Amino acid sequence: MKLYYSPGACSLSPHIVALELGLSVTPVKTDVRAKTLENGESFYKINPKGQVPTLQLDNGEILTEGVAIVQYMASLKPEKKMIPEGFAKFHQLEWLNFISTELHKGYSPLFRDNSEEVKAAARTNLTAKFNHLEAALTKNTFLMGDTFTCADAYLFTVLGWSGHVKVELPKFLQEYLGRVSARPAVQAALKAEGLTK
């Protein structure tokens, strides 16, 4: 499989999941601004949306959207329990959707050339969303309890943008980032993307 990524973008989440699962995935660096691959080819030939992450299966089939990709990857190795069993599976889906729609999109205005007023409103909105995380992360090691799941890979990725866009994280989220970043697969993904030495 090939994982098309841009360093530090939301594609870091499936990169972490692939390493956690021990999947054989070839990372392919993509310039999402220019919509090109490192060899100069158009990324639109791979993904007409022009967005990462994109997963290309060995049979050539393409899967896009990070939430779908991480769940597909986790389904390949169910024994790793990156997708919980039973009703908990739907709670993880609930978290993945919250991260995607409330947090990920909440950071978007901060990466654009918006006024300081718009950016201040985005930061205020994100702070309110962090309150929703507090109940889960002050009593649990990870979002779903003591087991690291796909949702944690995504949350780590999104919260990791905070320093770049001047979003102050509460202490419990800083501690959570510390727990996640200590995982060997997370360290390996960060290093592979050139985000750490």
N, C-alpha and C. Protein backbone atom coordinates (compact mmCIF):
# COMPACT_ATOMS: atom_id res chain seq x y z
N MET A 1 0.84 -1.19 0.00
CA MET A 1 0.00 0.00 0.00
C MET A 1 0.88 1.24 0.00
N LYS A 2 0.35 2.31 -0.55
CA LYS A 2 1.03 3.60 -0.52
C LYS A 2 0.16 4.60 0.23
N LEU A 3 0.79 5.37 1.11
CA LEU A 3 0.09 6.43 1.84
C LEU A 3 0.65 7.76 1.37
N TYR A 4 -0.18 8.52 0.70
CA TYR A 4 0.20 9.86 0.24
C TYR A 4 -0.01 10.82 1.39
N TYR A 5 1.05 11.55 1.74
CA TYR A 5 1.02 12.40 2.93
C TYR A 5 1.73 13.72 2.66
N SER A 6 1.48 14.66 3.56
CA SER A 6 2.22 15.91 3.61
C SER A 6 2.68 16.04 5.06
N PRO A 7 3.95 16.35 5.31
CA PRO A 7 4.47 16.35 6.68
C PRO A 7 3.63 17.20 7.64
N GLY A 8 3.19 16.55 8.71
CA GLY A 8 2.45 17.24 9.75
C GLY A 8 0.98 17.49 9.46
N ALA A 9 0.54 17.18 8.26
CA ALA A 9 -0.88 17.36 7.92
C ALA A 9 -1.70 16.25 8.56
N CYS A 10 -2.99 16.22 8.30
CA CYS A 10 -3.85 15.21 8.91
C CYS A 10 -3.48 13.80 8.46
N SER A 11 -2.67 13.68 7.43
CA SER A 11 -2.17 12.37 6.98
C SER A 11 -1.22 11.74 7.99
N LEU A 12 -0.77 12.50 8.98
CA LEU A 12 0.06 11.92 10.04
C LEU A 12 -0.73 10.87 10.81
N SER A 13 -2.02 11.06 10.94
CA SER A 13 -2.86 10.12 11.68
C SER A 13 -2.82 8.71 11.10
N PRO A 14 -3.12 8.48 9.81
CA PRO A 14 -3.00 7.12 9.28
C PRO A 14 -1.55 6.63 9.23
N HIS A 15 -0.59 7.54 9.16
CA HIS A 15 0.81 7.14 9.20
C HIS A 15 1.10 6.49 10.56
N ILE A 16 0.63 7.13 11.63
CA ILE A 16 0.79 6.58 12.99
C ILE A 16 0.07 5.24 13.09
N VAL A 17 -1.16 5.18 12.61
CA VAL A 17 -1.95 3.95 12.70
C VAL A 17 -1.25 2.80 11.96
N ALA A 18 -0.73 3.07 10.77
CA ALA A 18 -0.03 2.04 10.01
C ALA A 18 1.16 1.49 10.80
N LEU A 19 1.91 2.37 11.44
CA LEU A 19 3.07 1.94 12.21
C LEU A 19 2.65 1.21 13.48
N GLU A 20 1.60 1.67 14.13
CA GLU A 20 1.08 0.98 15.32
C GLU A 20 0.67 -0.44 14.97
N LEU A 21 0.09 -0.62 13.79
CA LEU A 21 -0.40 -1.93 13.36
C LEU A 21 0.68 -2.80 12.73
N GLY A 22 1.80 -2.21 12.38
CA GLY A 22 2.85 -2.96 11.70
C GLY A 22 2.51 -3.28 10.25
N LEU A 23 1.74 -2.40 9.62
CA LEU A 23 1.36 -2.60 8.22
C LEU A 23 2.50 -2.19 7.29
N SER A 24 2.59 -2.86 6.18
CA SER A 24 3.58 -2.52 5.17
C SER A 24 3.00 -1.41 4.28
N VAL A 25 3.38 -0.19 4.58
CA VAL A 25 2.86 0.98 3.86
C VAL A 25 4.05 1.83 3.41
N THR A 26 4.04 2.20 2.15
CA THR A 26 5.08 3.07 1.62
C THR A 26 4.58 4.51 1.65
N PRO A 27 5.21 5.39 2.45
CA PRO A 27 4.80 6.79 2.46
C PRO A 27 5.28 7.50 1.20
N VAL A 28 4.39 8.30 0.60
CA VAL A 28 4.73 9.07 -0.61
C VAL A 28 4.47 10.54 -0.29
N LYS A 29 5.54 11.31 -0.22
CA LYS A 29 5.42 12.73 0.12
C LYS A 29 4.73 13.48 -1.01
N THR A 30 3.82 14.35 -0.61
CA THR A 30 2.99 15.09 -1.55
C THR A 30 3.02 16.58 -1.20
N ASP A 31 3.13 17.41 -2.21
CA ASP A 31 3.04 18.86 -2.01
C ASP A 31 1.58 19.24 -2.22
N VAL A 32 0.87 19.45 -1.11
CA VAL A 32 -0.57 19.69 -1.22
C VAL A 32 -0.91 21.08 -1.74
N ARG A 33 0.03 22.00 -1.65
CA ARG A 33 -0.22 23.33 -2.22
C ARG A 33 -0.10 23.29 -3.75
N ALA A 34 0.98 22.67 -4.23
CA ALA A 34 1.20 22.58 -5.68
C ALA A 34 0.45 21.41 -6.31
N LYS A 35 -0.06 20.50 -5.45
CA LYS A 35 -0.79 19.29 -5.92
C LYS A 35 0.11 18.41 -6.79
N THR A 36 1.35 18.26 -6.32
CA THR A 36 2.30 17.42 -7.06
C THR A 36 2.99 16.43 -6.13
N LEU A 37 3.51 15.37 -6.72
CA LEU A 37 4.33 14.41 -6.01
C LEU A 37 5.78 14.85 -6.12
N GLU A 38 6.67 14.21 -5.38
CA GLU A 38 8.08 14.60 -5.41
C GLU A 38 8.70 14.47 -6.79
N ASN A 39 8.18 13.54 -7.61
CA ASN A 39 8.72 13.37 -8.96
C ASN A 39 8.12 14.36 -9.96
N GLY A 40 7.27 15.27 -9.47
CA GLY A 40 6.68 16.30 -10.32
C GLY A 40 5.34 15.93 -10.93
N GLU A 41 4.92 14.68 -10.79
CA GLU A 41 3.62 14.28 -11.34
C GLU A 41 2.48 14.94 -10.59
N SER A 42 1.37 15.09 -11.27
CA SER A 42 0.19 15.69 -10.66
C SER A 42 -0.44 14.74 -9.65
N PHE A 43 -0.68 15.24 -8.46
CA PHE A 43 -1.35 14.46 -7.42
C PHE A 43 -2.81 14.20 -7.79
N TYR A 44 -3.38 15.06 -8.61
CA TYR A 44 -4.78 14.88 -9.03
C TYR A 44 -4.99 13.56 -9.76
N LYS A 45 -3.93 13.00 -10.35
CA LYS A 45 -4.06 11.70 -11.02
C LYS A 45 -4.32 10.59 -10.00
N ILE A 46 -3.84 10.78 -8.79
CA ILE A 46 -4.04 9.81 -7.72
C ILE A 46 -5.36 10.08 -7.00
N ASN A 47 -5.55 11.34 -6.60
CA ASN A 47 -6.74 11.73 -5.86
C ASN A 47 -7.30 13.01 -6.49
N PRO A 48 -8.43 12.92 -7.19
CA PRO A 48 -9.00 14.10 -7.83
C PRO A 48 -9.35 15.22 -6.85
N LYS A 49 -9.47 14.89 -5.55
CA LYS A 49 -9.72 15.93 -4.54
C LYS A 49 -8.46 16.73 -4.26
N GLY A 50 -7.30 16.14 -4.56
CA GLY A 50 -6.03 16.83 -4.32
C GLY A 50 -5.68 16.96 -2.85
N GLN A 51 -6.22 16.07 -2.01
CA GLN A 51 -6.01 16.19 -0.57
C GLN A 51 -5.38 14.93 0.00
N VAL A 52 -4.60 15.12 1.05
CA VAL A 52 -4.08 14.00 1.82
C VAL A 52 -4.94 13.86 3.07
N PRO A 53 -4.98 12.67 3.64
CA PRO A 53 -4.31 11.46 3.22
C PRO A 53 -5.05 10.76 2.07
N THR A 54 -4.29 10.00 1.33
CA THR A 54 -4.83 9.13 0.29
C THR A 54 -4.11 7.80 0.42
N LEU A 55 -4.86 6.74 0.43
CA LEU A 55 -4.29 5.40 0.52
C LEU A 55 -4.52 4.68 -0.80
N GLN A 56 -3.44 4.18 -1.38
CA GLN A 56 -3.55 3.40 -2.61
C GLN A 56 -3.24 1.95 -2.26
N LEU A 57 -4.23 1.08 -2.46
CA LEU A 57 -4.06 -0.33 -2.16
C LEU A 57 -3.17 -0.98 -3.22
N ASP A 58 -2.69 -2.16 -2.91
CA ASP A 58 -1.81 -2.86 -3.84
C ASP A 58 -2.49 -3.19 -5.16
N ASN A 59 -3.83 -3.29 -5.14
CA ASN A 59 -4.57 -3.56 -6.38
C ASN A 59 -4.88 -2.27 -7.15
N GLY A 60 -4.39 -1.13 -6.66
CA GLY A 60 -4.59 0.15 -7.33
C GLY A 60 -5.79 0.94 -6.83
N GLU A 61 -6.66 0.30 -6.04
CA GLU A 61 -7.85 1.00 -5.54
C GLU A 61 -7.43 2.13 -4.59
N ILE A 62 -8.18 3.23 -4.64
CA ILE A 62 -7.88 4.42 -3.86
C ILE A 62 -8.93 4.61 -2.77
N LEU A 63 -8.44 4.97 -1.57
CA LEU A 63 -9.33 5.33 -0.46
C LEU A 63 -8.87 6.68 0.05
N THR A 64 -9.83 7.60 0.21
CA THR A 64 -9.51 8.94 0.71
C THR A 64 -10.27 9.18 2.01
N GLU A 65 -9.95 10.28 2.65
CA GLU A 65 -10.53 10.72 3.92
C GLU A 65 -9.93 9.93 5.08
N GLY A 66 -9.26 10.65 5.94
CA GLY A 66 -8.52 10.04 7.05
C GLY A 66 -9.33 9.13 7.94
N VAL A 67 -10.55 9.53 8.27
CA VAL A 67 -11.38 8.72 9.15
C VAL A 67 -11.67 7.36 8.52
N ALA A 68 -11.91 7.33 7.22
CA ALA A 68 -12.14 6.06 6.52
C ALA A 68 -10.85 5.25 6.44
N ILE A 69 -9.75 5.91 6.17
CA ILE A 69 -8.46 5.22 6.00
C ILE A 69 -8.03 4.53 7.30
N VAL A 70 -8.11 5.25 8.43
CA VAL A 70 -7.65 4.63 9.68
C VAL A 70 -8.52 3.45 10.07
N GLN A 71 -9.82 3.54 9.80
CA GLN A 71 -10.70 2.42 10.12
C GLN A 71 -10.43 1.22 9.20
N TYR A 72 -10.15 1.50 7.94
CA TYR A 72 -9.80 0.41 7.02
C TYR A 72 -8.52 -0.27 7.50
N MET A 73 -7.50 0.53 7.81
CA MET A 73 -6.25 -0.04 8.28
C MET A 73 -6.46 -0.90 9.52
N ALA A 74 -7.20 -0.37 10.48
CA ALA A 74 -7.43 -1.10 11.73
C ALA A 74 -8.20 -2.40 11.48
N SER A 75 -9.05 -2.41 10.46
CA SER A 75 -9.82 -3.63 10.16
C SER A 75 -8.91 -4.75 9.64
N LEU A 76 -7.73 -4.40 9.15
CA LEU A 76 -6.80 -5.40 8.64
C LEU A 76 -6.11 -6.18 9.76
N LYS A 77 -6.09 -5.57 10.96
CA LYS A 77 -5.44 -6.22 12.11
C LYS A 77 -6.35 -6.07 13.34
N PRO A 78 -7.51 -6.74 13.33
CA PRO A 78 -8.46 -6.57 14.43
C PRO A 78 -7.90 -6.96 15.79
N GLU A 79 -6.91 -7.85 15.80
CA GLU A 79 -6.33 -8.29 17.07
C GLU A 79 -5.60 -7.16 17.81
N LYS A 80 -5.26 -6.09 17.09
CA LYS A 80 -4.58 -4.94 17.71
C LYS A 80 -5.55 -4.02 18.45
N LYS A 81 -6.85 -4.23 18.23
CA LYS A 81 -7.92 -3.51 18.93
C LYS A 81 -7.86 -1.98 18.77
N MET A 82 -7.44 -1.53 17.59
CA MET A 82 -7.46 -0.09 17.34
C MET A 82 -8.86 0.39 17.00
N ILE A 83 -9.74 -0.57 16.72
CA ILE A 83 -11.18 -0.31 16.66
C ILE A 83 -11.77 -1.17 17.78
N PRO A 84 -12.37 -0.55 18.78
CA PRO A 84 -12.94 -1.34 19.88
C PRO A 84 -14.08 -2.24 19.40
N GLU A 85 -14.38 -3.24 20.20
CA GLU A 85 -15.47 -4.15 19.87
C GLU A 85 -16.77 -3.68 20.49
N GLY A 86 -17.86 -4.25 20.01
CA GLY A 86 -19.18 -3.96 20.56
C GLY A 86 -19.60 -2.51 20.38
N PHE A 87 -20.38 -2.03 21.33
CA PHE A 87 -20.90 -0.68 21.23
C PHE A 87 -19.80 0.38 21.31
N ALA A 88 -18.69 0.04 21.95
CA ALA A 88 -17.56 0.98 22.06
C ALA A 88 -17.05 1.40 20.68
N LYS A 89 -17.24 0.54 19.68
CA LYS A 89 -16.84 0.88 18.32
C LYS A 89 -17.55 2.15 17.85
N PHE A 90 -18.80 2.31 18.25
CA PHE A 90 -19.56 3.48 17.83
C PHE A 90 -19.15 4.72 18.63
N HIS A 91 -18.70 4.51 19.86
CA HIS A 91 -18.17 5.65 20.62
C HIS A 91 -16.88 6.15 19.97
N GLN A 92 -16.06 5.23 19.46
CA GLN A 92 -14.85 5.68 18.77
C GLN A 92 -15.23 6.43 17.49
N LEU A 93 -16.22 5.93 16.77
CA LEU A 93 -16.68 6.62 15.57
C LEU A 93 -17.20 8.02 15.93
N GLU A 94 -17.85 8.11 17.07
CA GLU A 94 -18.32 9.40 17.57
C GLU A 94 -17.13 10.35 17.78
N TRP A 95 -16.06 9.84 18.40
CA TRP A 95 -14.86 10.65 18.61
C TRP A 95 -14.22 11.05 17.28
N LEU A 96 -14.10 10.11 16.36
CA LEU A 96 -13.50 10.41 15.06
C LEU A 96 -14.27 11.52 14.35
N ASN A 97 -15.59 11.46 14.42
CA ASN A 97 -16.40 12.51 13.79
C ASN A 97 -16.26 13.84 14.51
N PHE A 98 -16.20 13.82 15.83
CA PHE A 98 -16.01 15.05 16.59
C PHE A 98 -14.68 15.70 16.24
N ILE A 99 -13.62 14.89 16.18
CA ILE A 99 -12.30 15.43 15.85
C ILE A 99 -12.31 16.01 14.45
N SER A 100 -12.95 15.31 13.52
CA SER A 100 -12.98 15.75 12.12
C SER A 100 -13.78 17.03 11.93
N THR A 101 -14.98 17.06 12.48
CA THR A 101 -15.88 18.18 12.19
C THR A 101 -15.73 19.35 13.14
N GLU A 102 -15.41 19.09 14.39
CA GLU A 102 -15.34 20.17 15.36
C GLU A 102 -13.90 20.70 15.56
N LEU A 103 -12.95 19.79 15.67
CA LEU A 103 -11.57 20.24 15.92
C LEU A 103 -10.80 20.52 14.64
N HIS A 104 -10.71 19.51 13.76
CA HIS A 104 -9.95 19.68 12.52
C HIS A 104 -10.44 20.91 11.76
N LYS A 105 -11.71 20.97 11.52
CA LYS A 105 -12.26 22.13 10.78
C LYS A 105 -12.18 23.40 11.62
N GLY A 106 -12.17 23.25 12.94
CA GLY A 106 -12.03 24.42 13.80
C GLY A 106 -10.67 25.09 13.68
N TYR A 107 -9.65 24.29 13.35
CA TYR A 107 -8.31 24.84 13.16
C TYR A 107 -8.15 25.50 11.79
N SER A 108 -8.97 25.13 10.83
CA SER A 108 -8.81 25.59 9.45
C SER A 108 -8.67 27.10 9.30
N PRO A 109 -9.51 27.93 9.96
CA PRO A 109 -9.36 29.39 9.77
C PRO A 109 -7.99 29.92 10.21
N LEU A 110 -7.31 29.17 11.08
CA LEU A 110 -6.03 29.63 11.60
C LEU A 110 -4.89 29.40 10.61
N PHE A 111 -5.11 28.55 9.63
CA PHE A 111 -4.09 28.28 8.61
C PHE A 111 -4.28 29.16 7.37
N ARG A 112 -5.34 29.93 7.37
CA ARG A 112 -5.64 30.76 6.20
C ARG A 112 -5.28 32.22 6.48
N ASP A 113 -5.29 33.01 5.44
CA ASP A 113 -4.97 34.43 5.56
C ASP A 113 -6.23 35.18 6.00
N ASN A 114 -6.63 34.95 7.24
CA ASN A 114 -7.82 35.61 7.80
C ASN A 114 -7.41 36.76 8.71
N SER A 115 -8.37 37.59 9.02
CA SER A 115 -8.11 38.70 9.94
C SER A 115 -7.85 38.14 11.34
N GLU A 116 -7.23 38.94 12.18
CA GLU A 116 -6.99 38.53 13.57
C GLU A 116 -8.31 38.32 14.30
N GLU A 117 -9.34 39.06 13.91
CA GLU A 117 -10.65 38.91 14.53
C GLU A 117 -11.21 37.51 14.25
N VAL A 118 -11.10 37.06 13.02
CA VAL A 118 -11.57 35.72 12.64
C VAL A 118 -10.75 34.66 13.37
N LYS A 119 -9.44 34.86 13.44
CA LYS A 119 -8.58 33.89 14.11
C LYS A 119 -8.86 33.84 15.61
N ALA A 120 -9.12 34.98 16.21
CA ALA A 120 -9.44 35.01 17.64
C ALA A 120 -10.74 34.25 17.90
N ALA A 121 -11.71 34.41 17.03
CA ALA A 121 -12.98 33.68 17.17
C ALA A 121 -12.76 32.18 17.04
N ALA A 122 -11.89 31.79 16.12
CA ALA A 122 -11.58 30.36 15.94
C ALA A 122 -10.92 29.79 17.19
N ARG A 123 -10.00 30.55 17.78
CA ARG A 123 -9.33 30.08 19.00
C ARG A 123 -10.33 29.94 20.15
N THR A 124 -11.25 30.89 20.27
CA THR A 124 -12.28 30.82 21.31
C THR A 124 -13.16 29.59 21.10
N ASN A 125 -13.52 29.34 19.87
CA ASN A 125 -14.35 28.18 19.53
C ASN A 125 -13.62 26.88 19.90
N LEU A 126 -12.33 26.80 19.58
CA LEU A 126 -11.56 25.60 19.89
C LEU A 126 -11.47 25.37 21.40
N THR A 127 -11.27 26.44 22.14
CA THR A 127 -11.18 26.32 23.60
C THR A 127 -12.46 25.71 24.16
N ALA A 128 -13.60 26.11 23.62
CA ALA A 128 -14.88 25.53 24.06
C ALA A 128 -14.94 24.04 23.72
N LYS A 129 -14.40 23.66 22.58
CA LYS A 129 -14.40 22.24 22.17
C LYS A 129 -13.48 21.42 23.07
N PHE A 130 -12.38 22.02 23.55
CA PHE A 130 -11.47 21.31 24.42
C PHE A 130 -12.17 20.87 25.70
N ASN A 131 -13.14 21.66 26.15
CA ASN A 131 -13.87 21.30 27.37
C ASN A 131 -14.56 19.95 27.24
N HIS A 132 -14.98 19.62 26.03
CA HIS A 132 -15.64 18.34 25.78
C HIS A 132 -14.66 17.17 25.95
N LEU A 133 -13.39 17.42 25.67
CA LEU A 133 -12.36 16.38 25.80
C LEU A 133 -11.96 16.14 27.24
N GLU A 134 -12.16 17.14 28.07
CA GLU A 134 -11.64 17.07 29.44
C GLU A 134 -12.20 15.89 30.22
N ALA A 135 -13.49 15.65 30.13
CA ALA A 135 -14.10 14.55 30.89
C ALA A 135 -13.48 13.21 30.53
N ALA A 136 -13.19 13.01 29.25
CA ALA A 136 -12.61 11.74 28.82
C ALA A 136 -11.13 11.63 29.19
N LEU A 137 -10.39 12.71 29.04
CA LEU A 137 -8.94 12.61 29.16
C LEU A 137 -8.39 12.90 30.55
N THR A 138 -9.21 13.35 31.46
CA THR A 138 -8.71 13.51 32.83
C THR A 138 -8.92 12.24 33.64
N LYS A 139 -9.78 11.34 33.14
CA LYS A 139 -9.99 10.08 33.87
C LYS A 139 -9.45 8.87 33.11
N ASN A 140 -9.04 9.05 31.86
CA ASN A 140 -8.53 7.95 31.04
C ASN A 140 -7.16 8.30 30.47
N THR A 141 -6.40 7.27 30.14
CA THR A 141 -5.11 7.47 29.49
C THR A 141 -5.31 7.95 28.06
N PHE A 142 -6.30 7.35 27.37
CA PHE A 142 -6.61 7.69 25.99
C PHE A 142 -8.11 7.94 25.86
N LEU A 143 -8.56 8.32 24.68
CA LEU A 143 -9.98 8.66 24.50
C LEU A 143 -10.92 7.53 24.87
N MET A 144 -10.51 6.29 24.57
CA MET A 144 -11.39 5.14 24.81
C MET A 144 -11.00 4.36 26.07
N GLY A 145 -10.23 4.97 26.94
CA GLY A 145 -9.81 4.28 28.17
C GLY A 145 -8.31 4.10 28.19
N ASP A 146 -7.89 2.86 28.44
CA ASP A 146 -6.46 2.58 28.53
C ASP A 146 -5.86 2.07 27.24
N THR A 147 -6.67 1.93 26.18
CA THR A 147 -6.20 1.40 24.91
C THR A 147 -6.08 2.51 23.87
N PHE A 148 -4.93 2.59 23.24
CA PHE A 148 -4.69 3.56 22.16
C PHE A 148 -5.47 3.09 20.93
N THR A 149 -6.26 3.99 20.35
CA THR A 149 -7.07 3.65 19.18
C THR A 149 -6.84 4.65 18.05
N CYS A 150 -7.53 4.41 16.95
CA CYS A 150 -7.46 5.30 15.79
C CYS A 150 -7.80 6.74 16.16
N ALA A 151 -8.75 6.90 17.06
CA ALA A 151 -9.17 8.25 17.46
C ALA A 151 -8.02 9.01 18.11
N ASP A 152 -7.18 8.31 18.86
CA ASP A 152 -6.05 8.97 19.50
C ASP A 152 -5.01 9.44 18.49
N ALA A 153 -4.79 8.64 17.45
CA ALA A 153 -3.85 9.05 16.41
C ALA A 153 -4.32 10.34 15.74
N TYR A 154 -5.62 10.43 15.51
CA TYR A 154 -6.18 11.62 14.86
C TYR A 154 -6.15 12.82 15.80
N LEU A 155 -6.56 12.61 17.05
CA LEU A 155 -6.57 13.72 18.01
C LEU A 155 -5.15 14.25 18.22
N PHE A 156 -4.19 13.36 18.36
CA PHE A 156 -2.79 13.79 18.52
C PHE A 156 -2.36 14.66 17.35
N THR A 157 -2.70 14.23 16.15
CA THR A 157 -2.32 14.97 14.95
C THR A 157 -2.90 16.38 14.95
N VAL A 158 -4.19 16.48 15.20
CA VAL A 158 -4.86 17.78 15.16
C VAL A 158 -4.37 18.70 16.28
N LEU A 159 -4.26 18.17 17.49
CA LEU A 159 -3.79 19.00 18.60
C LEU A 159 -2.35 19.44 18.39
N GLY A 160 -1.59 18.65 17.64
CA GLY A 160 -0.21 18.99 17.36
C GLY A 160 -0.04 20.28 16.56
N TRP A 161 -1.09 20.73 15.92
CA TRP A 161 -1.02 21.97 15.15
C TRP A 161 -1.05 23.21 16.05
N SER A 162 -1.40 23.04 17.30
CA SER A 162 -1.64 24.17 18.20
C SER A 162 -0.49 25.16 18.28
N GLY A 163 0.73 24.65 18.42
CA GLY A 163 1.87 25.55 18.53
C GLY A 163 2.09 26.39 17.30
N HIS A 164 1.77 25.85 16.13
CA HIS A 164 1.97 26.58 14.87
C HIS A 164 0.98 27.72 14.68
N VAL A 165 -0.18 27.58 15.31
CA VAL A 165 -1.24 28.58 15.08
C VAL A 165 -1.63 29.33 16.36
N LYS A 166 -0.77 29.22 17.36
CA LYS A 166 -0.94 29.97 18.61
C LYS A 166 -2.25 29.65 19.33
N VAL A 167 -2.51 28.36 19.48
CA VAL A 167 -3.64 27.91 20.28
C VAL A 167 -3.06 27.34 21.57
N GLU A 168 -3.47 27.90 22.69
CA GLU A 168 -2.96 27.44 23.97
C GLU A 168 -3.78 26.24 24.44
N LEU A 169 -3.07 25.15 24.70
CA LEU A 169 -3.75 23.94 25.15
C LEU A 169 -3.77 23.88 26.67
N PRO A 170 -4.90 23.44 27.24
CA PRO A 170 -4.94 23.25 28.69
C PRO A 170 -3.97 22.14 29.11
N LYS A 171 -3.64 22.14 30.39
CA LYS A 171 -2.64 21.20 30.91
C LYS A 171 -3.00 19.76 30.61
N PHE A 172 -4.26 19.38 30.75
CA PHE A 172 -4.63 17.98 30.54
C PHE A 172 -4.39 17.55 29.09
N LEU A 173 -4.51 18.48 28.13
CA LEU A 173 -4.23 18.14 26.74
C LEU A 173 -2.72 18.09 26.47
N GLN A 174 -1.98 18.95 27.13
CA GLN A 174 -0.52 18.88 27.01
C GLN A 174 -0.01 17.54 27.55
N GLU A 175 -0.58 17.10 28.67
CA GLU A 175 -0.20 15.81 29.25
C GLU A 175 -0.57 14.66 28.32
N TYR A 176 -1.75 14.76 27.71
CA TYR A 176 -2.20 13.75 26.76
C TYR A 176 -1.24 13.67 25.57
N LEU A 177 -0.86 14.82 25.02
CA LEU A 177 0.09 14.84 23.91
C LEU A 177 1.41 14.20 24.31
N GLY A 178 1.83 14.42 25.54
CA GLY A 178 3.06 13.82 26.02
C GLY A 178 2.96 12.30 26.07
N ARG A 179 1.82 11.78 26.54
CA ARG A 179 1.61 10.32 26.60
C ARG A 179 1.63 9.71 25.20
N VAL A 180 0.94 10.37 24.28
CA VAL A 180 0.86 9.82 22.92
C VAL A 180 2.21 9.93 22.22
N SER A 181 2.87 11.07 22.36
CA SER A 181 4.14 11.26 21.65
C SER A 181 5.23 10.32 22.15
N ALA A 182 5.07 9.74 23.33
CA ALA A 182 6.05 8.80 23.86
C ALA A 182 5.96 7.42 23.21
N ARG A 183 4.89 7.16 22.47
CA ARG A 183 4.71 5.85 21.84
C ARG A 183 5.73 5.68 20.70
N PRO A 184 6.37 4.51 20.62
CA PRO A 184 7.38 4.29 19.57
C PRO A 184 6.85 4.52 18.15
N ALA A 185 5.63 4.08 17.87
CA ALA A 185 5.09 4.26 16.51
C ALA A 185 4.88 5.74 16.20
N VAL A 186 4.49 6.51 17.19
CA VAL A 186 4.30 7.95 16.99
C VAL A 186 5.66 8.60 16.72
N GLN A 187 6.66 8.24 17.51
CA GLN A 187 8.01 8.77 17.30
C GLN A 187 8.52 8.41 15.90
N ALA A 188 8.25 7.18 15.47
CA ALA A 188 8.70 6.74 14.15
C ALA A 188 8.01 7.51 13.03
N ALA A 189 6.71 7.77 13.20
CA ALA A 189 5.96 8.53 12.16
C ALA A 189 6.47 9.97 12.10
N LEU A 190 6.68 10.58 13.25
CA LEU A 190 7.19 11.96 13.28
C LEU A 190 8.57 12.05 12.61
N LYS A 191 9.40 11.08 12.89
CA LYS A 191 10.74 11.07 12.31
C LYS A 191 10.67 10.83 10.80
N ALA A 192 9.83 9.91 10.38
CA ALA A 192 9.70 9.59 8.95
C ALA A 192 9.22 10.81 8.15
N GLU A 193 8.40 11.66 8.79
CA GLU A 193 7.89 12.84 8.10
C GLU A 193 8.81 14.05 8.26
N GLY A 194 9.92 13.86 8.93
CA GLY A 194 10.87 14.96 9.11
C GLY A 194 10.44 15.97 10.15
N LEU A 195 9.56 15.57 11.06
CA LEU A 195 9.04 16.49 12.06
C LEU A 195 9.85 16.48 13.34
N THR A 196 10.67 15.42 13.51
CA THR A 196 11.63 15.34 14.62
C THR A 196 12.93 14.76 14.08
N LYS A 197 13.98 14.88 14.87
CA LYS A 197 15.27 14.35 14.44
C LYS A 197 15.43 12.92 14.91
